[in-house]
Protein backbone atom coordinates (compact mmCIF):
# COMPACT_ATOMS: atom_id res chain seq x y z
CA MET A 1 45.36 50.65 43.94
CA THR A 2 45.41 48.38 40.90
CA ASP A 3 43.58 49.55 37.79
CA ALA A 4 41.35 47.36 35.60
CA THR A 5 44.08 46.83 32.97
CA ASP A 6 46.43 45.36 35.58
CA LYS A 7 43.68 43.09 36.88
CA LEU A 8 42.98 41.78 33.37
CA LYS A 9 46.69 41.00 32.88
CA ILE A 10 46.77 39.17 36.21
CA LEU A 11 43.60 37.24 35.39
CA ALA A 12 45.00 36.22 31.99
CA GLN A 13 47.88 34.42 33.75
CA PHE A 14 45.44 32.15 35.62
CA ARG A 15 42.86 31.59 32.88
CA PRO A 16 43.32 28.30 31.02
CA ARG A 17 44.00 28.56 27.32
CA ALA A 18 42.78 24.98 26.88
CA VAL A 19 42.09 21.87 28.97
CA LEU A 20 42.89 18.19 28.76
CA LYS A 21 39.73 16.31 29.74
CA ALA A 22 40.42 12.84 31.19
CA LEU A 23 38.34 10.28 29.28
CA THR A 24 39.03 7.23 31.45
CA PRO A 25 39.25 6.64 35.21
CA GLU A 26 42.94 5.71 34.74
CA ALA A 27 43.60 8.99 32.94
CA ALA A 28 42.01 10.95 35.80
CA ARG A 29 43.92 8.98 38.48
CA ALA A 30 47.22 9.65 36.68
CA VAL A 31 46.88 13.43 37.22
CA PRO A 32 48.12 15.00 40.50
CA MET A 33 45.11 15.89 42.67
CA GLY A 34 46.07 19.57 42.84
CA MET A 35 46.00 19.89 39.03
CA LEU A 36 42.74 18.08 38.34
CA LEU A 37 39.66 20.31 38.25
CA GLY A 38 36.74 17.91 37.99
CA ASP A 39 38.06 15.68 35.24
CA MET A 40 40.12 18.37 33.48
CA VAL A 41 43.70 19.64 33.54
CA PRO A 42 44.10 23.35 32.73
CA VAL A 43 46.64 24.28 30.06
CA LEU A 44 47.88 27.70 31.17
CA ARG A 45 50.69 28.24 28.67
CA TYR A 46 52.42 26.84 25.61
CA PRO A 47 54.44 24.80 25.12
CA PHE A 48 52.68 22.51 27.61
CA ARG A 49 54.97 19.57 28.44
CA VAL A 50 53.71 16.21 29.70
CA GLY A 51 55.68 13.27 31.08
CA ARG A 52 55.76 10.49 33.67
CA GLU A 53 56.13 11.09 37.38
CA SER A 54 59.11 8.98 38.43
CA ARG A 55 58.81 9.72 42.16
CA VAL A 56 56.37 6.96 43.12
CA ARG A 57 56.23 3.98 45.45
CA VAL A 58 53.87 1.02 45.78
CA VAL A 59 52.08 0.67 49.13
CA GLU A 60 49.72 -2.29 49.60
CA GLY A 61 49.40 -2.67 45.83
CA GLN A 62 48.59 1.02 45.25
CA VAL A 63 50.91 3.42 43.41
CA GLN A 64 51.51 6.58 45.47
CA ARG A 65 53.24 9.78 44.47
CA ILE A 66 56.25 10.73 46.63
CA GLU A 67 56.17 14.41 47.47
CA ARG A 68 59.63 15.81 47.89
CA GLN A 69 61.12 19.23 47.46
CA LYS A 70 63.41 19.93 44.53
CA PRO A 71 66.04 22.65 44.75
CA ASP A 72 64.86 25.85 43.08
CA ARG A 73 67.85 25.80 40.73
CA HIS A 74 66.34 22.92 38.73
CA ALA A 75 63.50 23.83 36.40
CA PRO A 76 60.92 21.05 35.96
CA ASN A 77 61.00 19.04 32.73
CA ASN A 78 57.19 18.93 32.53
CA ASP A 79 54.16 21.07 33.27
CA LEU A 80 52.13 17.93 33.97
CA TYR A 81 53.57 14.81 35.61
CA LEU A 82 51.35 11.75 35.12
CA VAL A 83 51.58 8.63 37.30
CA ASP A 84 51.74 5.51 35.15
CA ALA A 85 50.19 2.81 37.35
CA GLY A 86 49.95 0.09 34.71
CA GLY A 87 52.05 -3.04 34.48
CA LEU A 88 53.34 -2.00 31.04
CA THR A 89 54.76 1.51 31.13
CA GLN A 90 52.90 3.72 28.65
CA ILE A 91 54.22 7.16 29.65
CA SER A 92 57.83 8.30 29.16
CA ARG A 93 59.49 10.77 31.54
CA GLU A 94 59.46 13.39 28.78
CA HIS A 95 56.59 12.19 26.60
CA PHE A 96 55.00 15.00 24.55
CA ARG A 97 54.27 18.70 24.39
CA ILE A 98 51.43 20.77 23.02
CA GLU A 99 52.43 23.85 21.05
CA GLN A 100 50.52 26.77 19.64
CA MET A 101 51.73 28.67 16.60
CA ASP A 102 49.78 31.35 14.73
CA GLY A 103 46.46 30.06 16.07
CA ASP A 104 47.19 26.45 15.14
CA TYR A 105 48.01 23.68 17.59
CA ARG A 106 50.23 20.65 17.32
CA VAL A 107 51.35 17.80 19.50
CA VAL A 108 55.05 16.93 19.47
CA ASP A 109 56.39 13.57 20.62
CA ARG A 110 59.50 14.15 22.76
CA ARG A 111 61.18 10.92 21.61
CA SER A 112 58.98 8.74 23.83
CA ASP A 113 59.14 4.96 23.87
CA CYS A 114 55.44 4.27 23.13
CA GLY A 115 54.45 7.36 21.14
CA ILE A 116 51.09 9.11 21.09
CA GLY A 117 47.90 8.87 19.15
CA VAL A 118 45.94 11.87 17.87
CA GLY A 119 42.66 10.59 16.50
CA ASP A 120 43.63 7.76 14.12
CA LEU A 121 47.18 9.09 13.62
CA ARG A 122 50.15 7.57 15.49
CA VAL A 123 53.18 9.77 16.19
CA GLY A 124 56.58 8.89 17.63
CA GLY A 125 57.43 5.81 19.62
CA GLU A 126 60.74 3.99 19.84
CA GLU A 127 62.37 7.40 20.45
CA ALA A 128 61.53 8.52 16.89
CA GLY A 129 59.87 11.82 17.80
CA GLY A 130 57.52 13.54 15.38
CA MET A 131 54.51 15.83 15.42
CA ALA A 132 50.87 16.02 14.35
CA PRO A 133 48.31 18.78 14.00
CA LEU A 134 45.99 19.08 16.98
CA ARG A 135 42.47 20.44 16.75
CA ASP A 136 39.82 21.34 19.27
CA GLY A 137 38.14 18.11 20.37
CA ASP A 138 40.95 15.75 19.30
CA ILE A 139 41.76 12.84 21.59
CA ILE A 140 45.37 12.39 22.68
CA ALA A 141 46.26 8.79 23.60
CA VAL A 142 49.44 8.77 25.67
CA GLY A 143 51.27 5.52 24.89
CA THR A 144 50.42 2.49 22.75
CA THR A 145 47.09 1.91 21.00
CA LEU A 146 45.94 0.02 24.13
CA THR A 147 46.71 2.84 26.59
CA PRO A 148 44.07 3.87 29.12
CA TYR A 149 45.60 7.37 29.29
CA ARG A 150 43.28 9.27 26.94
CA TYR A 151 42.55 12.98 27.08
CA ARG A 152 40.36 15.25 24.94
CA PHE A 153 42.03 18.55 23.96
CA ILE A 154 39.52 21.39 24.36
CA VAL A 155 40.48 24.92 23.25
CA LEU A 156 39.07 27.74 25.38
CA GLU A 157 40.62 30.78 23.65
């Protein structure tokens, strides 16, 4: 029999620490169906790494994710793989990560091509890297200033 302390530890592994709320239809469509809860993506741990899904194909004008098994010996590069369905690629394969340190949050550009926006601040792009503070309620724009991939960071802890 499992005691209450064990159950709380188990529950803590599945309870989101934060969520990324999709703010546009394109942002919601970019998220794998199994990860989207309503219009939100749970952030279960830090660092939380986000990048582009490169396993896609176009069928009758629609971008579809290709599901294929990867050998267990390869750890994934991202916790969230977004499908970039636009004509101009906004999302890099290893785009950004969200970190938590001493109760503070920050977003770190992983040397992406188009960078990220946090509120009015632009970070990274052209493989420059960089980081910015991230607060509860901030909007993360993945890509250029014209990107449709916008998510609100909501802290739950």
